[in-house]
Amino acid sequence: MQYNLIPMSQPANDSKSVYQRSLKPRPRIEFSSEYFFRPIAHLVVQALLPLKVQPTWLVVFHTCLGVFCGFLIARGEFWIAAILIQVKTVLDNADGQLARASNMMTEIGRYLDTEGDTLVNAALFAGLGAITGAWFLAFLAIVTFTLLLSFDFNWEYLYRLERNEPFRASPDTSTENQSVLRFLERVYTGFFKPQDVAIRNFSESRFEKVYLQFPRPDLRAIARIEYFEADSLLVLANLELSTQLAVLGLCLVLGVPKLFLWFVLFCGLTVVVLQVRREARARAVLQGKHPSIFF
């Protein structure tokens, strides 16, 4: 299947077929990941491919590493934590690239990666809360952080759905450990699915509210395309995990861990701005105007 996506970069000395096969097509890229972490991660993939390392073991390793970083932050070991967090980010990029390059994608791996990242995030923010004493601020920040990632995931889902593009293919699960798969699926259903449903319902309800103000059946489809647009995905993609953890590392090196908590809260405001922008673009179309005059 073909996607109308931005071309991916590739390291000059890599096998094009392996590198391209290892990448996940997205409507918009995360620059820190695309131009820094993924090329480094590909070196890891090249080293691990001949060894036939299971991607899930890489997930387990970088999850443990990330949790350990939370402990280091709580102890005030900022420089070591900052470096290991970036190593964790490289490996987090590498696990998916390794799975795609080796054709070893599994549903267990997907669930484990998402849930492992959540566990790491909890450990990191707990460490930040402990070292700064700002527990309430840390709590607000991790809630905001989690919602940022959820909005990015679900807005991309709705973007693809509106254009009849496949979101992602489901691997064959017949050879996977069904007990482990069911457990991880229940965890996902209990923690993530309510967020997915709420964000998707919120996005649809906000569009319907705009549409009811200016009901134009002949322009509805165009208005939805302008509402579920790619520029918002570009912004959210660049507030994803790799970028956020790079900023966390910088704050730790500078000795200002509390600044990262405020940074996350500030990033959360971008969702509000982007939602206002999306509604303005849809409203402009329904009024027969060009959406470019509204942002």
Protein backbone atom coordinates (compact mmCIF):
# COMPACT_ATOMS: atom_id res chain seq x y z
CA MET A 1 0.00 0.00 0.00
CA GLN A 2 1.17 3.50 -0.74
CA TYR A 3 1.04 6.38 1.72
CA ASN A 4 1.15 10.06 0.96
CA LEU A 5 3.83 10.74 3.52
CA ILE A 6 6.94 12.86 3.94
CA PRO A 7 10.02 10.92 2.70
CA MET A 8 12.18 9.56 5.47
CA SER A 9 15.87 10.35 5.76
CA GLN A 10 18.52 7.63 5.81
CA PRO A 11 22.12 7.40 6.90
CA ALA A 12 24.53 7.55 3.99
CA ASN A 13 26.35 4.32 4.85
CA ASP A 14 23.30 2.14 5.52
CA SER A 15 21.55 -0.45 3.41
CA LYS A 16 18.60 1.47 2.01
CA SER A 17 16.27 -1.50 2.00
CA VAL A 18 16.94 -2.44 5.65
CA TYR A 19 16.69 1.13 6.91
CA GLN A 20 13.55 1.97 4.96
CA ARG A 21 11.93 -1.30 6.02
CA SER A 22 12.65 -0.50 9.64
CA LEU A 23 10.81 2.84 9.61
CA LYS A 24 7.19 3.41 10.52
CA PRO A 25 5.39 5.60 7.95
CA ARG A 26 3.79 8.65 9.57
CA PRO A 27 1.96 11.70 8.19
CA ARG A 28 4.45 13.98 9.96
CA ILE A 29 7.82 13.25 11.54
CA GLU A 30 9.38 13.94 14.93
CA PHE A 31 12.58 15.76 13.98
CA SER A 32 14.67 14.73 16.99
CA SER A 33 13.82 11.10 16.37
CA GLU A 34 14.09 11.22 12.58
CA TYR A 35 17.42 13.00 12.34
CA PHE A 36 19.16 11.95 15.54
CA PHE A 37 17.78 9.01 17.51
CA ARG A 38 16.64 6.80 14.62
CA PRO A 39 19.95 6.89 12.70
CA ILE A 40 21.77 5.95 15.90
CA ALA A 41 19.15 3.30 16.63
CA HIS A 42 19.76 1.85 13.18
CA LEU A 43 23.36 1.15 14.17
CA VAL A 44 21.98 -0.86 17.07
CA VAL A 45 19.62 -2.66 14.69
CA GLN A 46 22.50 -3.54 12.37
CA ALA A 47 24.43 -5.01 15.29
CA LEU A 48 21.48 -7.01 16.61
CA LEU A 49 20.05 -8.34 13.34
CA PRO A 50 22.69 -11.06 12.85
CA LEU A 51 22.23 -12.12 16.49
CA LYS A 52 18.47 -12.62 15.98
CA VAL A 53 17.69 -10.74 19.19
CA GLN A 54 13.97 -10.63 19.96
CA PRO A 55 12.67 -7.03 19.93
CA THR A 56 10.62 -7.73 23.07
CA TRP A 57 13.81 -8.32 25.05
CA LEU A 58 15.04 -4.93 23.93
CA VAL A 59 11.76 -3.45 25.21
CA VAL A 60 12.23 -5.14 28.59
CA PHE A 61 15.81 -3.88 28.82
CA HIS A 62 15.12 -0.23 28.01
CA THR A 63 12.06 -0.27 30.29
CA CYS A 64 14.23 -1.41 33.21
CA LEU A 65 16.83 1.19 32.23
CA GLY A 66 14.21 3.94 32.21
CA VAL A 67 12.86 2.93 35.63
CA PHE A 68 16.42 2.96 36.96
CA CYS A 69 16.79 6.52 35.63
CA GLY A 70 13.84 7.57 37.79
CA PHE A 71 15.72 6.20 40.80
CA LEU A 72 18.86 8.11 39.78
CA ILE A 73 16.90 11.36 39.45
CA ALA A 74 15.45 10.92 42.93
CA ARG A 75 19.03 10.51 44.24
CA GLY A 76 20.20 13.64 42.44
CA GLU A 77 22.44 11.77 40.00
CA PHE A 78 21.44 14.11 37.19
CA TRP A 79 24.30 13.66 34.72
CA ILE A 80 24.19 9.86 34.76
CA ALA A 81 20.39 9.90 34.51
CA ALA A 82 20.49 12.37 31.60
CA ILE A 83 22.89 10.18 29.63
CA LEU A 84 21.06 6.92 30.34
CA ILE A 85 17.71 8.49 29.41
CA GLN A 86 19.09 9.24 25.95
CA VAL A 87 20.39 5.66 25.71
CA LYS A 88 16.90 4.51 26.66
CA THR A 89 15.46 6.69 23.90
CA VAL A 90 17.81 5.21 21.30
CA LEU A 91 16.85 1.68 22.35
CA ASP A 92 13.16 2.65 22.40
CA ASN A 93 13.50 3.67 18.76
CA ALA A 94 15.56 0.58 18.00
CA ASP A 95 13.03 -1.99 19.23
CA GLY A 96 10.40 -1.02 16.65
CA GLN A 97 12.97 -0.63 13.92
CA LEU A 98 14.40 -4.06 14.74
CA ALA A 99 10.93 -5.62 14.72
CA ARG A 100 10.10 -4.19 11.30
CA ALA A 101 13.54 -4.87 9.80
CA SER A 102 13.50 -8.49 10.97
CA ASN A 103 9.79 -9.00 10.31
CA MET A 104 9.28 -9.94 13.98
CA MET A 105 6.44 -7.57 14.80
CA THR A 106 4.15 -8.94 17.50
CA GLU A 107 1.08 -7.70 19.32
CA ILE A 108 2.78 -8.53 22.61
CA GLY A 109 5.68 -6.31 21.60
CA ARG A 110 3.36 -3.42 20.79
CA TYR A 111 1.49 -3.66 24.08
CA LEU A 112 4.70 -4.16 26.04
CA ASP A 113 6.35 -1.14 24.43
CA THR A 114 3.41 1.18 25.16
CA GLU A 115 2.91 -0.07 28.70
CA GLY A 116 6.64 -0.14 29.40
CA ASP A 117 6.98 3.49 28.32
CA THR A 118 4.13 4.39 30.69
CA LEU A 119 5.90 2.63 33.55
CA VAL A 120 9.11 4.52 32.73
CA ASN A 121 7.26 7.84 32.59
CA ALA A 122 5.75 7.15 36.01
CA ALA A 123 9.20 6.39 37.42
CA LEU A 124 10.75 9.51 35.89
CA PHE A 125 8.05 11.84 37.18
CA ALA A 126 8.15 10.15 40.58
CA GLY A 127 11.89 10.83 40.63
CA LEU A 128 11.27 14.45 39.67
CA GLY A 129 8.63 14.78 42.37
CA ALA A 130 11.00 13.31 44.96
CA ILE A 131 14.01 15.50 44.12
CA THR A 132 12.02 18.74 43.76
CA GLY A 133 9.44 18.13 46.47
CA ALA A 134 6.83 19.45 44.03
CA TRP A 135 4.65 16.33 44.08
CA PHE A 136 1.46 18.03 42.97
CA LEU A 137 3.26 19.73 40.07
CA ALA A 138 4.79 16.38 39.11
CA PHE A 139 1.34 14.77 39.20
CA LEU A 140 -0.14 17.46 36.95
CA ALA A 141 2.84 17.11 34.61
CA ILE A 142 2.57 13.34 34.19
CA VAL A 143 -1.18 13.61 33.54
CA THR A 144 -0.47 16.28 30.92
CA PHE A 145 2.39 14.21 29.51
CA THR A 146 0.17 11.14 29.16
CA LEU A 147 -2.62 13.13 27.50
CA LEU A 148 -0.17 14.71 25.05
CA LEU A 149 0.91 11.27 23.86
CA SER A 150 -2.71 10.10 23.72
CA PHE A 151 -3.83 13.10 21.67
CA ASP A 152 -0.96 12.51 19.25
CA PHE A 153 -1.88 8.84 18.84
CA ASN A 154 -5.61 9.42 18.43
CA TRP A 155 -5.44 12.48 16.20
CA GLU A 156 -3.23 10.52 13.84
CA TYR A 157 -5.76 7.68 13.95
CA LEU A 158 -8.60 10.07 13.06
CA TYR A 159 -6.49 11.74 10.36
CA ARG A 160 -5.92 8.40 8.66
CA LEU A 161 -9.52 7.28 9.17
CA GLU A 162 -10.81 10.42 7.45
CA ARG A 163 -8.61 9.68 4.42
CA ASN A 164 -9.29 5.92 4.36
CA GLU A 165 -5.64 5.20 5.14
CA PRO A 166 -4.74 2.14 7.21
CA PHE A 167 -3.55 3.07 10.68
CA ARG A 168 -1.43 0.00 11.23
CA ALA A 169 -1.55 -3.65 10.27
CA SER A 170 -2.24 -6.21 12.98
CA PRO A 171 0.33 -9.00 13.14
CA ASP A 172 -0.63 -12.66 13.30
CA THR A 173 -1.02 -13.49 17.00
CA SER A 174 -1.54 -17.25 16.62
CA THR A 175 2.06 -18.05 17.59
CA GLU A 176 2.19 -15.64 20.54
CA ASN A 177 1.76 -16.55 24.19
CA GLN A 178 -1.98 -16.09 24.58
CA SER A 179 -1.91 -15.71 28.37
CA VAL A 180 0.65 -12.90 28.19
CA LEU A 181 -1.19 -11.31 25.29
CA ARG A 182 -4.52 -11.32 27.14
CA PHE A 183 -2.91 -9.83 30.24
CA LEU A 184 -1.25 -7.00 28.33
CA GLU A 185 -4.45 -6.41 26.38
CA ARG A 186 -6.43 -6.07 29.61
CA VAL A 187 -3.92 -3.56 30.94
CA TYR A 188 -4.19 -1.55 27.73
CA THR A 189 -7.99 -1.75 27.76
CA GLY A 190 -8.15 -0.60 31.37
CA PHE A 191 -5.70 2.30 31.14
CA PHE A 192 -5.40 3.46 27.53
CA LYS A 193 -8.68 2.61 25.85
CA PRO A 194 -10.76 5.03 27.98
CA GLN A 195 -8.37 7.79 26.89
CA ASP A 196 -8.67 6.75 23.24
CA VAL A 197 -12.47 6.71 23.37
CA ALA A 198 -12.67 10.04 25.22
CA ILE A 199 -10.30 11.86 22.85
CA ARG A 200 -11.97 10.49 19.71
CA ASN A 201 -15.44 11.31 21.01
CA PHE A 202 -14.28 14.78 22.05
CA SER A 203 -12.79 15.44 18.61
CA GLU A 204 -15.93 14.31 16.81
CA SER A 205 -18.27 16.22 19.13
CA ARG A 206 -16.32 19.44 18.66
CA PHE A 207 -16.56 19.10 14.89
CA GLU A 208 -20.29 18.47 15.11
CA LYS A 209 -20.73 21.56 17.24
CA VAL A 210 -18.99 23.67 14.60
CA TYR A 211 -20.98 22.03 11.82
CA LEU A 212 -24.32 22.68 13.53
CA GLN A 213 -23.45 26.38 13.60
CA PHE A 214 -23.01 26.41 9.81
CA PRO A 215 -24.72 23.29 8.40
CA ARG A 216 -23.51 22.89 4.83
CA PRO A 217 -23.94 19.26 3.68
CA ASP A 218 -22.12 20.04 0.40
CA LEU A 219 -19.04 21.24 2.31
CA ARG A 220 -19.11 18.78 5.22
CA ALA A 221 -16.52 16.38 3.76
CA ILE A 222 -14.10 19.21 2.93
CA ALA A 223 -14.57 20.73 6.39
CA ARG A 224 -13.72 17.39 7.99
CA ILE A 225 -10.53 17.15 5.96
CA GLU A 226 -9.53 20.64 7.13
CA TYR A 227 -10.47 19.74 10.71
CA PHE A 228 -8.54 16.46 10.78
CA GLU A 229 -5.45 18.05 9.22
CA ALA A 230 -1.73 17.26 9.31
CA ASP A 231 -0.22 20.45 10.71
CA SER A 232 -1.58 19.62 14.17
CA LEU A 233 0.07 16.23 13.86
CA LEU A 234 3.38 17.93 13.06
CA VAL A 235 3.22 19.91 16.29
CA LEU A 236 2.21 16.96 18.45
CA ALA A 237 4.72 14.64 16.78
CA ASN A 238 7.47 17.02 17.91
CA LEU A 239 6.22 16.91 21.48
CA GLU A 240 6.49 13.12 21.56
CA LEU A 241 8.55 10.91 23.83
CA SER A 242 11.95 11.26 22.14
CA THR A 243 11.79 15.06 22.16
CA GLN A 244 10.39 15.27 25.69
CA LEU A 245 13.10 13.00 27.10
CA ALA A 246 15.77 14.99 25.27
CA VAL A 247 14.47 18.14 26.99
CA LEU A 248 14.40 16.28 30.31
CA GLY A 249 18.03 15.33 29.80
CA LEU A 250 18.93 18.96 29.11
CA CYS A 251 17.10 20.15 32.24
CA LEU A 252 18.93 17.55 34.31
CA VAL A 253 22.33 18.55 32.92
CA LEU A 254 21.54 22.19 33.70
CA GLY A 255 20.49 21.19 37.22
CA VAL A 256 16.92 22.49 36.86
CA PRO A 257 14.68 19.38 36.98
CA LYS A 258 11.65 21.40 38.07
CA LEU A 259 11.83 23.38 34.83
CA PHE A 260 10.93 20.22 32.91
CA LEU A 261 7.67 19.90 34.85
CA TRP A 262 6.69 23.44 33.83
CA PHE A 263 7.78 22.72 30.28
CA VAL A 264 5.41 19.74 30.08
CA LEU A 265 2.51 21.81 31.39
CA PHE A 266 3.27 24.49 28.81
CA CYS A 267 3.27 21.83 26.08
CA GLY A 268 -0.16 20.75 27.26
CA LEU A 269 -1.51 24.17 26.30
CA THR A 270 -0.63 23.45 22.67
CA VAL A 271 -3.49 20.94 22.47
CA VAL A 272 -5.94 23.73 23.35
CA VAL A 273 -4.41 26.04 20.72
CA LEU A 274 -4.43 23.30 18.08
CA GLN A 275 -8.05 22.40 18.82
CA VAL A 276 -9.10 26.04 18.44
CA ARG A 277 -7.18 26.15 15.16
CA ARG A 278 -8.84 22.98 13.86
CA GLU A 279 -12.28 24.31 14.64
CA ALA A 280 -11.46 27.66 13.00
CA ARG A 281 -10.37 25.89 9.80
CA ALA A 282 -13.54 23.80 9.66
CA ARG A 283 -15.68 26.86 10.39
CA ALA A 284 -13.97 28.82 7.60
CA VAL A 285 -14.74 26.09 5.04
CA LEU A 286 -18.38 25.91 6.12
CA GLN A 287 -18.63 29.67 5.69
CA GLY A 288 -17.19 29.45 2.20
CA LYS A 289 -13.89 31.05 3.15
CA HIS A 290 -10.33 29.87 2.64
CA PRO A 291 -9.06 28.29 5.87
CA SER A 292 -5.60 29.84 5.52
CA ILE A 293 -6.96 33.16 6.82
CA PHE A 294 -7.71 31.33 10.07
CA PHE A 295 -4.22 30.34 11.13
